[in-house]
Amino acid sequence: MGSFLYNVGNAAFPLLSAHLAASTPRARLGSELGIVYGAFFFGTIFASPFAGPLGAAIGLRETMAIAVGAFLLSASLTLFLKDVRPTLNTATARLPRSFWILLAVTPFAALIGIIVNPLFPVFVRDVAAVPLERVGIYVGLIALGAAVFSSANGRIADTRGPIVAIVGAGVLLTIAATLVALAGHSEPTLALGSFLLGSQTAANPVLVSALARVLPPARAGVGYSGFQLVYALGFGAGGLLSGVLYDADPLLPLLVQIALALPVTVTVAMVVSRVVRSRGPLPSGA
């Protein structure tokens, strides 16, 4: 129940995306979304090293109380956001066909991106033979890569276009899985592969930015919530598939990612590019 209620907090994320889309010029939207996604992962990197020592020093409940305080501070900061009045004529605003096309490809991107992660710490410990006390370093490197690549890819999408941004993420993810699969007991190679695995989230700000270009303002909240839902479905399916594949062979999740990351991201990039072009020239402001 605690885990369920904790994750209910993610319901605010689609609303933040909708707020950014309504208040940010389209030419900068990918960059701004990339910064927000990057900050999310940077927060994980910043807080994680303190969690264990705090828990050992003051206890689990006290550490959780500090975390709740940080969450409340985060929520209170949203009160300083610029107020954007909702558009009320939702009855006449239909979700365009391009929205449903984007929604259809999103779960596949999420599945391929996440398929290595659920059992990655187990792989690092049992296959790469990394001592238990250093396993967290490699998980942290994935989060660091996610922060860096999410921020950078939003900017790339604004300046070079969605195809370059999404396909570039697919190339990095393929290289990352290959390095991890071939690392053996080489920790430097494993570290580089772990960092590059963070590119799994690099397409997210590009997809959300594309949504902003196709969603009518009156349906923005519904649209971003739908995106979050199908992304979570792909995320969950990837986690289940990861377990099945890992039981058969610990290298199988990596091999599937090597084989499918680039084809899937190329397909997603083509869909996103076509959808964005079909909407005509982008306005200079929100």
C-alpha atoms as a PDB file:
ATOM      1  CA  MET A   1       0.000   0.000   0.000  1.00  0.00           C
ATOM      2  CA  GLY A   2       2.834   2.380   0.812  1.00  0.00           C
ATOM      3  CA  SER A   3       4.435   1.716  -2.559  1.00  0.00           C
ATOM      4  CA  PHE A   4       1.096   2.292  -4.303  1.00  0.00           C
ATOM      5  CA  LEU A   5       0.499   5.612  -2.565  1.00  0.00           C
ATOM      6  CA  TYR A   6       4.081   6.699  -3.231  1.00  0.00           C
ATOM      7  CA  ASN A   7       3.679   6.132  -6.944  1.00  0.00           C
ATOM      8  CA  VAL A   8       0.340   7.943  -7.016  1.00  0.00           C
ATOM      9  CA  GLY A   9       2.535  11.039  -6.747  1.00  0.00           C
ATOM     10  CA  ASN A  10       3.582  10.427 -10.343  1.00  0.00           C
ATOM     11  CA  ALA A  11       0.116  11.611 -11.348  1.00  0.00           C
ATOM     12  CA  ALA A  12       1.435  15.160 -11.076  1.00  0.00           C
ATOM     13  CA  PHE A  13       4.054  14.609 -13.773  1.00  0.00           C
ATOM     14  CA  PRO A  14       1.643  14.748 -16.754  1.00  0.00           C
ATOM     15  CA  LEU A  15       0.254  17.998 -15.334  1.00  0.00           C
ATOM     16  CA  LEU A  16       3.742  19.498 -15.143  1.00  0.00           C
ATOM     17  CA  SER A  17       4.323  18.457 -18.757  1.00  0.00           C
ATOM     18  CA  ALA A  18       1.040  20.067 -19.774  1.00  0.00           C
ATOM     19  CA  HIS A  19       1.981  23.237 -17.880  1.00  0.00           C
ATOM     20  CA  LEU A  20       5.338  23.434 -19.652  1.00  0.00           C
ATOM     21  CA  ALA A  21       3.660  22.917 -23.013  1.00  0.00           C
ATOM     22  CA  ALA A  22       1.225  25.748 -22.284  1.00  0.00           C
ATOM     23  CA  SER A  23       3.812  28.219 -21.005  1.00  0.00           C
ATOM     24  CA  THR A  24       6.958  27.526 -23.068  1.00  0.00           C
ATOM     25  CA  PRO A  25       7.628  28.636 -26.662  1.00  0.00           C
ATOM     26  CA  ARG A  26       7.544  25.615 -28.968  1.00  0.00           C
ATOM     27  CA  ALA A  27      11.064  26.295 -30.239  1.00  0.00           C
ATOM     28  CA  ARG A  28      12.413  25.707 -26.696  1.00  0.00           C
ATOM     29  CA  LEU A  29       9.986  23.062 -25.479  1.00  0.00           C
ATOM     30  CA  GLY A  30      12.248  20.057 -26.050  1.00  0.00           C
ATOM     31  CA  SER A  31      15.092  21.733 -24.169  1.00  0.00           C
ATOM     32  CA  GLU A  32      12.872  22.703 -21.235  1.00  0.00           C
ATOM     33  CA  LEU A  33      11.357  19.225 -20.978  1.00  0.00           C
ATOM     34  CA  GLY A  34      14.840  17.720 -21.158  1.00  0.00           C
ATOM     35  CA  ILE A  35      15.947  19.859 -18.225  1.00  0.00           C
ATOM     36  CA  VAL A  36      12.924  18.753 -16.166  1.00  0.00           C
ATOM     37  CA  TYR A  37      13.506  15.078 -16.938  1.00  0.00           C
ATOM     38  CA  GLY A  38      17.218  15.485 -16.279  1.00  0.00           C
ATOM     39  CA  ALA A  39      16.535  17.147 -12.930  1.00  0.00           C
ATOM     40  CA  PHE A  40      14.325  14.207 -11.958  1.00  0.00           C
ATOM     41  CA  PHE A  41      17.194  11.757 -12.392  1.00  0.00           C
ATOM     42  CA  PHE A  42      19.744  14.150 -10.908  1.00  0.00           C
ATOM     43  CA  GLY A  43      17.603  14.265  -7.763  1.00  0.00           C
ATOM     44  CA  THR A  44      17.864  10.486  -7.537  1.00  0.00           C
ATOM     45  CA  ILE A  45      21.641  10.688  -7.896  1.00  0.00           C
ATOM     46  CA  PHE A  46      21.898  13.435  -5.283  1.00  0.00           C
ATOM     47  CA  ALA A  47      19.715  11.767  -2.663  1.00  0.00           C
ATOM     48  CA  SER A  48      20.671   8.103  -3.003  1.00  0.00           C
ATOM     49  CA  PRO A  49      24.152   8.303  -1.394  1.00  0.00           C
ATOM     50  CA  PHE A  50      22.640   9.906   1.715  1.00  0.00           C
ATOM     51  CA  ALA A  51      19.785   7.425   2.171  1.00  0.00           C
ATOM     52  CA  GLY A  52      21.833   4.502   3.502  1.00  0.00           C
ATOM     53  CA  PRO A  53      24.012   6.441   5.957  1.00  0.00           C
ATOM     54  CA  LEU A  54      20.999   8.394   7.242  1.00  0.00           C
ATOM     55  CA  GLY A  55      18.979   5.226   7.707  1.00  0.00           C
ATOM     56  CA  ALA A  56      21.829   3.622   9.630  1.00  0.00           C
ATOM     57  CA  ALA A  57      22.421   6.723  11.761  1.00  0.00           C
ATOM     58  CA  ILE A  58      18.904   7.851  12.686  1.00  0.00           C
ATOM     59  CA  GLY A  59      16.596   4.992  11.670  1.00  0.00           C
ATOM     60  CA  LEU A  60      14.188   4.168   8.845  1.00  0.00           C
ATOM     61  CA  ARG A  61      11.196   6.199  10.049  1.00  0.00           C
ATOM     62  CA  GLU A  62      13.225   9.331  10.653  1.00  0.00           C
ATOM     63  CA  THR A  63      14.856   9.047   7.226  1.00  0.00           C
ATOM     64  CA  MET A  64      11.429   8.591   5.613  1.00  0.00           C
ATOM     65  CA  ALA A  65      10.216  11.690   7.464  1.00  0.00           C
ATOM     66  CA  ILE A  66      13.066  13.706   5.920  1.00  0.00           C
ATOM     67  CA  ALA A  67      12.128  12.354   2.490  1.00  0.00           C
ATOM     68  CA  VAL A  68       8.494  13.368   3.047  1.00  0.00           C
ATOM     69  CA  GLY A  69       9.674  16.852   4.002  1.00  0.00           C
ATOM     70  CA  ALA A  70      11.616  17.101   0.744  1.00  0.00           C
ATOM     71  CA  PHE A  71       8.520  15.964  -1.161  1.00  0.00           C
ATOM     72  CA  LEU A  72       6.375  18.610   0.546  1.00  0.00           C
ATOM     73  CA  LEU A  73       8.957  21.269  -0.321  1.00  0.00           C
ATOM     74  CA  SER A  74       8.847  20.112  -3.937  1.00  0.00           C
ATOM     75  CA  ALA A  75       5.056  20.317  -3.975  1.00  0.00           C
ATOM     76  CA  SER A  76       5.075  23.791  -2.413  1.00  0.00           C
ATOM     77  CA  LEU A  77       7.434  25.081  -5.123  1.00  0.00           C
ATOM     78  CA  THR A  78       4.744  24.384  -7.721  1.00  0.00           C
ATOM     79  CA  LEU A  79       2.688  27.163  -6.124  1.00  0.00           C
ATOM     80  CA  PHE A  80       5.155  29.638  -7.637  1.00  0.00           C
ATOM     81  CA  LEU A  81       4.527  28.425 -11.180  1.00  0.00           C
ATOM     82  CA  LYS A  82       2.822  30.791 -13.559  1.00  0.00           C
ATOM     83  CA  ASP A  83      -0.944  30.290 -13.423  1.00  0.00           C
ATOM     84  CA  VAL A  84      -2.382  28.911 -16.660  1.00  0.00           C
ATOM     85  CA  ARG A  85      -6.155  28.985 -16.863  1.00  0.00           C
ATOM     86  CA  PRO A  86      -7.727  25.734 -18.099  1.00  0.00           C
ATOM     87  CA  THR A  87      -9.517  25.655 -21.430  1.00  0.00           C
ATOM     88  CA  LEU A  88     -13.065  24.547 -20.779  1.00  0.00           C
ATOM     89  CA  ASN A  89     -14.478  23.744 -24.230  1.00  0.00           C
ATOM     90  CA  THR A  90     -13.409  20.104 -24.037  1.00  0.00           C
ATOM     91  CA  ALA A  91     -16.576  18.833 -25.707  1.00  0.00           C
ATOM     92  CA  THR A  92     -15.601  20.226 -29.103  1.00  0.00           C
ATOM     93  CA  ALA A  93     -11.877  19.457 -28.864  1.00  0.00           C
ATOM     94  CA  ARG A  94     -11.160  15.995 -30.246  1.00  0.00           C
ATOM     95  CA  LEU A  95      -7.889  14.179 -29.822  1.00  0.00           C
ATOM     96  CA  PRO A  96      -6.269  14.057 -33.285  1.00  0.00           C
ATOM     97  CA  ARG A  97      -5.309  10.859 -35.068  1.00  0.00           C
ATOM     98  CA  SER A  98      -1.631  11.779 -34.731  1.00  0.00           C
ATOM     99  CA  PHE A  99      -1.996  11.603 -30.943  1.00  0.00           C
ATOM    100  CA  TRP A 100      -3.183   8.002 -31.129  1.00  0.00           C
ATOM    101  CA  ILE A 101      -0.300   7.120 -33.445  1.00  0.00           C
ATOM    102  CA  LEU A 102       2.192   8.504 -30.926  1.00  0.00           C
ATOM    103  CA  LEU A 103       0.435   6.638 -28.142  1.00  0.00           C
ATOM    104  CA  ALA A 104       0.689   3.376 -30.106  1.00  0.00           C
ATOM    105  CA  VAL A 105       4.492   3.509 -30.465  1.00  0.00           C
ATOM    106  CA  THR A 106       5.256   4.746 -26.947  1.00  0.00           C
ATOM    107  CA  PRO A 107       4.893   1.379 -25.108  1.00  0.00           C
ATOM    108  CA  PHE A 108       7.383  -0.285 -27.449  1.00  0.00           C
ATOM    109  CA  ALA A 109       9.938   2.445 -26.824  1.00  0.00           C
ATOM    110  CA  ALA A 110       9.403   2.092 -23.057  1.00  0.00           C
ATOM    111  CA  LEU A 111       9.668  -1.710 -23.163  1.00  0.00           C
ATOM    112  CA  ILE A 112      12.949  -1.798 -25.081  1.00  0.00           C
ATOM    113  CA  GLY A 113      14.401   1.013 -22.991  1.00  0.00           C
ATOM    114  CA  ILE A 114      13.710  -0.648 -19.641  1.00  0.00           C
ATOM    115  CA  ILE A 115      14.295  -4.315 -20.446  1.00  0.00           C
ATOM    116  CA  VAL A 116      17.819  -4.429 -18.964  1.00  0.00           C
ATOM    117  CA  ASN A 117      17.189  -2.387 -15.819  1.00  0.00           C
ATOM    118  CA  PRO A 118      15.090  -4.517 -13.438  1.00  0.00           C
ATOM    119  CA  LEU A 119      17.750  -7.202 -12.986  1.00  0.00           C
ATOM    120  CA  PHE A 120      20.779  -5.064 -13.779  1.00  0.00           C
ATOM    121  CA  PRO A 121      22.011  -5.004 -10.136  1.00  0.00           C
ATOM    122  CA  VAL A 122      21.746  -8.810 -10.047  1.00  0.00           C
ATOM    123  CA  PHE A 123      23.681  -9.024 -13.327  1.00  0.00           C
ATOM    124  CA  VAL A 124      26.393  -6.727 -11.987  1.00  0.00           C
ATOM    125  CA  ARG A 125      26.741  -8.806  -8.822  1.00  0.00           C
ATOM    126  CA  ASP A 126      26.415 -12.346 -10.200  1.00  0.00           C
ATOM    127  CA  VAL A 127      27.750 -12.133 -13.763  1.00  0.00           C
ATOM    128  CA  ALA A 128      30.204  -9.229 -13.643  1.00  0.00           C
ATOM    129  CA  ALA A 129      31.264 -10.356 -10.131  1.00  0.00           C
ATOM    130  CA  VAL A 130      31.309  -6.813  -8.736  1.00  0.00           C
ATOM    131  CA  PRO A 131      31.477  -6.708  -4.914  1.00  0.00           C
ATOM    132  CA  LEU A 132      28.114  -5.962  -3.343  1.00  0.00           C
ATOM    133  CA  GLU A 133      29.266  -2.654  -1.856  1.00  0.00           C
ATOM    134  CA  ARG A 134      30.049  -1.309  -5.354  1.00  0.00           C
ATOM    135  CA  VAL A 135      26.876  -2.459  -7.146  1.00  0.00           C
ATOM    136  CA  GLY A 136      25.122   0.816  -6.296  1.00  0.00           C
ATOM    137  CA  ILE A 137      27.793   2.770  -8.172  1.00  0.00           C
ATOM    138  CA  TYR A 138      26.732   1.226 -11.469  1.00  0.00           C
ATOM    139  CA  VAL A 139      23.049   1.824 -10.779  1.00  0.00           C
ATOM    140  CA  GLY A 140      23.955   5.434 -10.000  1.00  0.00           C
ATOM    141  CA  LEU A 141      25.850   5.703 -13.286  1.00  0.00           C
ATOM    142  CA  ILE A 142      22.659   4.766 -15.154  1.00  0.00           C
ATOM    143  CA  ALA A 143      20.799   7.546 -13.332  1.00  0.00           C
ATOM    144  CA  LEU A 144      23.621   9.984 -14.098  1.00  0.00           C
ATOM    145  CA  GLY A 145      23.484   9.032 -17.775  1.00  0.00           C
ATOM    146  CA  ALA A 146      19.714   9.462 -17.767  1.00  0.00           C
ATOM    147  CA  ALA A 147      20.065  12.985 -16.367  1.00  0.00           C
ATOM    148  CA  VAL A 148      22.740  13.963 -18.891  1.00  0.00           C
ATOM    149  CA  PHE A 149      21.148  12.407 -21.970  1.00  0.00           C
ATOM    150  CA  SER A 150      17.600  13.584 -21.197  1.00  0.00           C
ATOM    151  CA  SER A 151      18.795  17.174 -20.872  1.00  0.00           C
ATOM    152  CA  ALA A 152      20.989  17.007 -23.966  1.00  0.00           C
ATOM    153  CA  ASN A 153      18.469  15.219 -26.159  1.00  0.00           C
ATOM    154  CA  GLY A 154      15.739  17.781 -25.593  1.00  0.00           C
ATOM    155  CA  ARG A 155      18.128  20.433 -26.877  1.00  0.00           C
ATOM    156  CA  ILE A 156      19.124  18.258 -29.842  1.00  0.00           C
ATOM    157  CA  ALA A 157      15.460  17.769 -30.756  1.00  0.00           C
ATOM    158  CA  ASP A 158      14.951  21.550 -30.829  1.00  0.00           C
ATOM    159  CA  THR A 159      18.050  22.269 -32.902  1.00  0.00           C
ATOM    160  CA  ARG A 160      18.493  19.180 -35.106  1.00  0.00           C
ATOM    161  CA  GLY A 161      15.026  17.641 -35.149  1.00  0.00           C
ATOM    162  CA  PRO A 162      13.358  14.590 -33.578  1.00  0.00           C
ATOM    163  CA  ILE A 163      14.874  12.013 -35.944  1.00  0.00           C
ATOM    164  CA  VAL A 164      18.453  12.865 -34.949  1.00  0.00           C
ATOM    165  CA  ALA A 165      17.514  12.957 -31.258  1.00  0.00           C
ATOM    166  CA  ILE A 166      15.609   9.671 -31.111  1.00  0.00           C
ATOM    167  CA  VAL A 167      17.849   7.662 -33.451  1.00  0.00           C
ATOM    168  CA  GLY A 168      20.907   8.992 -31.606  1.00  0.00           C
ATOM    169  CA  ALA A 169      19.425   7.660 -28.371  1.00  0.00           C
ATOM    170  CA  GLY A 170      18.917   4.283 -30.036  1.00  0.00           C
ATOM    171  CA  VAL A 171      22.531   4.179 -31.208  1.00  0.00           C
ATOM    172  CA  LEU A 172      23.808   5.005 -27.713  1.00  0.00           C
ATOM    173  CA  LEU A 173      21.546   2.387 -26.144  1.00  0.00           C
ATOM    174  CA  THR A 174      22.791  -0.273 -28.568  1.00  0.00           C
ATOM    175  CA  ILE A 175      26.413   0.621 -27.790  1.00  0.00           C
ATOM    176  CA  ALA A 176      25.642   0.577 -24.056  1.00  0.00           C
ATOM    177  CA  ALA A 177      24.085  -2.891 -24.084  1.00  0.00           C
ATOM    178  CA  THR A 178      26.954  -4.195 -26.213  1.00  0.00           C
ATOM    179  CA  LEU A 179      29.567  -2.841 -23.791  1.00  0.00           C
ATOM    180  CA  VAL A 180      27.799  -4.327 -20.773  1.00  0.00           C
ATOM    181  CA  ALA A 181      27.377  -7.699 -22.496  1.00  0.00           C
ATOM    182  CA  LEU A 182      31.061  -7.828 -23.471  1.00  0.00           C
ATOM    183  CA  ALA A 183      32.454  -6.302 -20.265  1.00  0.00           C
ATOM    184  CA  GLY A 184      33.026  -9.584 -18.469  1.00  0.00           C
ATOM    185  CA  HIS A 185      34.800  -8.664 -15.232  1.00  0.00           C
ATOM    186  CA  SER A 186      36.198  -5.375 -16.581  1.00  0.00           C
ATOM    187  CA  GLU A 187      34.749  -2.695 -14.326  1.00  0.00           C
ATOM    188  CA  PRO A 188      35.848   0.302 -16.469  1.00  0.00           C
ATOM    189  CA  THR A 189      33.994  -1.142 -19.484  1.00  0.00           C
ATOM    190  CA  LEU A 190      30.993  -1.942 -17.302  1.00  0.00           C
ATOM    191  CA  ALA A 191      31.041   1.604 -15.902  1.00  0.00           C
ATOM    192  CA  LEU A 192      31.023   3.168 -19.376  1.00  0.00           C
ATOM    193  CA  GLY A 193      28.234   0.843 -20.496  1.00  0.00           C
ATOM    194  CA  SER A 194      26.219   1.661 -17.367  1.00  0.00           C
ATOM    195  CA  PHE A 195      26.526   5.396 -17.986  1.00  0.00           C
ATOM    196  CA  LEU A 196      25.448   4.988 -21.621  1.00  0.00           C
ATOM    197  CA  LEU A 197      22.473   2.858 -20.527  1.00  0.00           C
ATOM    198  CA  GLY A 198      21.058   6.116 -19.188  1.00  0.00           C
ATOM    199  CA  SER A 199      20.234   6.981 -22.809  1.00  0.00           C
ATOM    200  CA  GLN A 200      17.174   4.738 -22.384  1.00  0.00           C
ATOM    201  CA  THR A 201      15.219   7.801 -21.215  1.00  0.00           C
ATOM    202  CA  ALA A 202      16.670  10.239 -23.746  1.00  0.00           C
ATOM    203  CA  ALA A 203      13.693   9.913 -26.101  1.00  0.00           C
ATOM    204  CA  ASN A 204      11.148  10.879 -23.422  1.00  0.00           C
ATOM    205  CA  PRO A 205      11.403  14.688 -23.685  1.00  0.00           C
ATOM    206  CA  VAL A 206      11.290  14.369 -27.478  1.00  0.00           C
ATOM    207  CA  LEU A 207       8.070  12.335 -27.358  1.00  0.00           C
ATOM    208  CA  VAL A 208       6.451  14.699 -24.856  1.00  0.00           C
ATOM    209  CA  SER A 209       7.516  17.686 -26.953  1.00  0.00           C
ATOM    210  CA  ALA A 210       5.903  16.038 -29.993  1.00  0.00           C
ATOM    211  CA  LEU A 211       2.693  15.601 -28.000  1.00  0.00           C
ATOM    212  CA  ALA A 212       2.631  19.332 -27.338  1.00  0.00           C
ATOM    213  CA  ARG A 213       2.564  19.941 -31.080  1.00  0.00           C
ATOM    214  CA  VAL A 214      -0.458  17.718 -31.735  1.00  0.00           C
ATOM    215  CA  LEU A 215      -2.659  18.076 -28.649  1.00  0.00           C
ATOM    216  CA  PRO A 216      -5.441  20.674 -28.595  1.00  0.00           C
ATOM    217  CA  PRO A 217      -5.005  22.885 -25.492  1.00  0.00           C
ATOM    218  CA  ALA A 218      -8.392  21.796 -24.135  1.00  0.00           C
ATOM    219  CA  ARG A 219      -7.273  18.159 -24.010  1.00  0.00           C
ATOM    220  CA  ALA A 220      -3.665  18.624 -22.883  1.00  0.00           C
ATOM    221  CA  GLY A 221      -4.193  17.134 -19.417  1.00  0.00           C
ATOM    222  CA  VAL A 222      -5.944  14.064 -20.811  1.00  0.00           C
ATOM    223  CA  GLY A 223      -3.312  13.678 -23.513  1.00  0.00           C
ATOM    224  CA  TYR A 224      -0.316  13.769 -21.178  1.00  0.00           C
ATOM    225  CA  SER A 225      -2.052  11.436 -18.724  1.00  0.00           C
ATOM    226  CA  GLY A 226      -2.688   8.994 -21.569  1.00  0.00           C
ATOM    227  CA  PHE A 227       0.975   9.169 -22.536  1.00  0.00           C
ATOM    228  CA  GLN A 228       2.014   8.481 -18.951  1.00  0.00           C
ATOM    229  CA  LEU A 229      -0.375   5.510 -18.803  1.00  0.00           C
ATOM    230  CA  VAL A 230       0.836   3.767 -21.962  1.00  0.00           C
ATOM    231  CA  TYR A 231       4.454   4.500 -21.058  1.00  0.00           C
ATOM    232  CA  ALA A 232       3.859   2.834 -17.687  1.00  0.00           C
ATOM    233  CA  LEU A 233       2.280  -0.170 -19.426  1.00  0.00           C
ATOM    234  CA  GLY A 234       5.339  -0.563 -21.650  1.00  0.00           C
ATOM    235  CA  PHE A 235       7.575  -0.037 -18.627  1.00  0.00           C
ATOM    236  CA  GLY A 236       5.785  -2.778 -16.687  1.00  0.00           C
ATOM    237  CA  ALA A 237       5.772  -5.180 -19.630  1.00  0.00           C
ATOM    238  CA  GLY A 238       9.500  -4.608 -20.069  1.00  0.00           C
ATOM    239  CA  GLY A 239      10.072  -5.454 -16.423  1.00  0.00           C
ATOM    240  CA  LEU A 240       8.120  -8.714 -16.699  1.00  0.00           C
ATOM    241  CA  LEU A 241       9.857  -9.685 -19.933  1.00  0.00           C
ATOM    242  CA  SER A 242      13.225  -8.894 -18.377  1.00  0.00           C
ATOM    243  CA  GLY A 243      12.622 -11.442 -15.627  1.00  0.00           C
ATOM    244  CA  VAL A 244      11.551 -14.157 -18.062  1.00  0.00           C
ATOM    245  CA  LEU A 245      14.562 -13.585 -20.305  1.00  0.00           C
ATOM    246  CA  TYR A 246      17.028 -13.358 -17.419  1.00  0.00           C
ATOM    247  CA  ASP A 247      15.842 -16.698 -16.039  1.00  0.00           C
ATOM    248  CA  ALA A 248      16.597 -18.286 -19.420  1.00  0.00           C
ATOM    249  CA  ASP A 249      20.015 -16.603 -19.750  1.00  0.00           C
ATOM    250  CA  PRO A 250      21.370 -13.513 -17.942  1.00  0.00           C
ATOM    251  CA  LEU A 251      22.612 -12.091 -21.252  1.00  0.00           C
ATOM    252  CA  LEU A 252      19.246 -12.343 -23.037  1.00  0.00           C
ATOM    253  CA  PRO A 253      17.842  -8.940 -21.923  1.00  0.00           C
ATOM    254  CA  LEU A 254      21.023  -7.288 -23.196  1.00  0.00           C
ATOM    255  CA  LEU A 255      20.909  -9.220 -26.480  1.00  0.00           C
ATOM    256  CA  VAL A 256      17.274  -8.242 -27.046  1.00  0.00           C
ATOM    257  CA  GLN A 257      18.154  -4.606 -26.426  1.00  0.00           C
ATOM    258  CA  ILE A 258      21.123  -4.832 -28.802  1.00  0.00           C
ATOM    259  CA  ALA A 259      18.920  -6.363 -31.510  1.00  0.00           C
ATOM    260  CA  LEU A 260      15.853  -4.138 -31.157  1.00  0.00           C
ATOM    261  CA  ALA A 261      16.910  -0.763 -29.716  1.00  0.00           C
ATOM    262  CA  LEU A 262      17.896   0.748 -33.048  1.00  0.00           C
ATOM    263  CA  PRO A 263      15.007  -0.670 -35.155  1.00  0.00           C
ATOM    264  CA  VAL A 264      12.454   0.439 -32.559  1.00  0.00           C
ATOM    265  CA  THR A 265      13.910   3.932 -32.152  1.00  0.00           C
ATOM    266  CA  VAL A 266      14.160   4.409 -35.932  1.00  0.00           C
ATOM    267  CA  THR A 267      10.482   3.452 -36.247  1.00  0.00           C
ATOM    268  CA  VAL A 268       9.505   5.797 -33.418  1.00  0.00           C
ATOM    269  CA  ALA A 269      11.600   8.612 -34.924  1.00  0.00           C
ATOM    270  CA  MET A 270       9.911   8.243 -38.309  1.00  0.00           C
ATOM    271  CA  VAL A 271       6.458   8.300 -36.721  1.00  0.00           C
ATOM    272  CA  VAL A 272       7.288  11.353 -34.593  1.00  0.00           C
ATOM    273  CA  SER A 273       8.822  13.219 -37.531  1.00  0.00           C
ATOM    274  CA  ARG A 274       5.826  12.515 -39.753  1.00  0.00           C
ATOM    275  CA  VAL A 275       3.372  13.527 -37.046  1.00  0.00           C
ATOM    276  CA  VAL A 276       5.208  16.793 -36.328  1.00  0.00           C
ATOM    277  CA  ARG A 277       5.473  17.685 -40.028  1.00  0.00           C
ATOM    278  CA  SER A 278       1.781  16.990 -40.532  1.00  0.00           C
ATOM    279  CA  ARG A 279       0.943  19.738 -38.041  1.00  0.00           C
ATOM    280  CA  GLY A 280       2.550  22.419 -40.192  1.00  0.00           C
ATOM    281  CA  PRO A 281       4.903  25.214 -39.041  1.00  0.00           C
ATOM    282  CA  LEU A 282       5.341  25.561 -35.315  1.00  0.00           C
ATOM    283  CA  PRO A 283       4.256  28.762 -33.640  1.00  0.00           C
ATOM    284  CA  SER A 284       6.955  30.823 -32.027  1.00  0.00           C
ATOM    285  CA  GLY A 285       5.184  30.939 -28.691  1.00  0.00           C
ATOM    286  CA  ALA A 286       3.060  28.705 -26.515  1.00  0.00           C
END
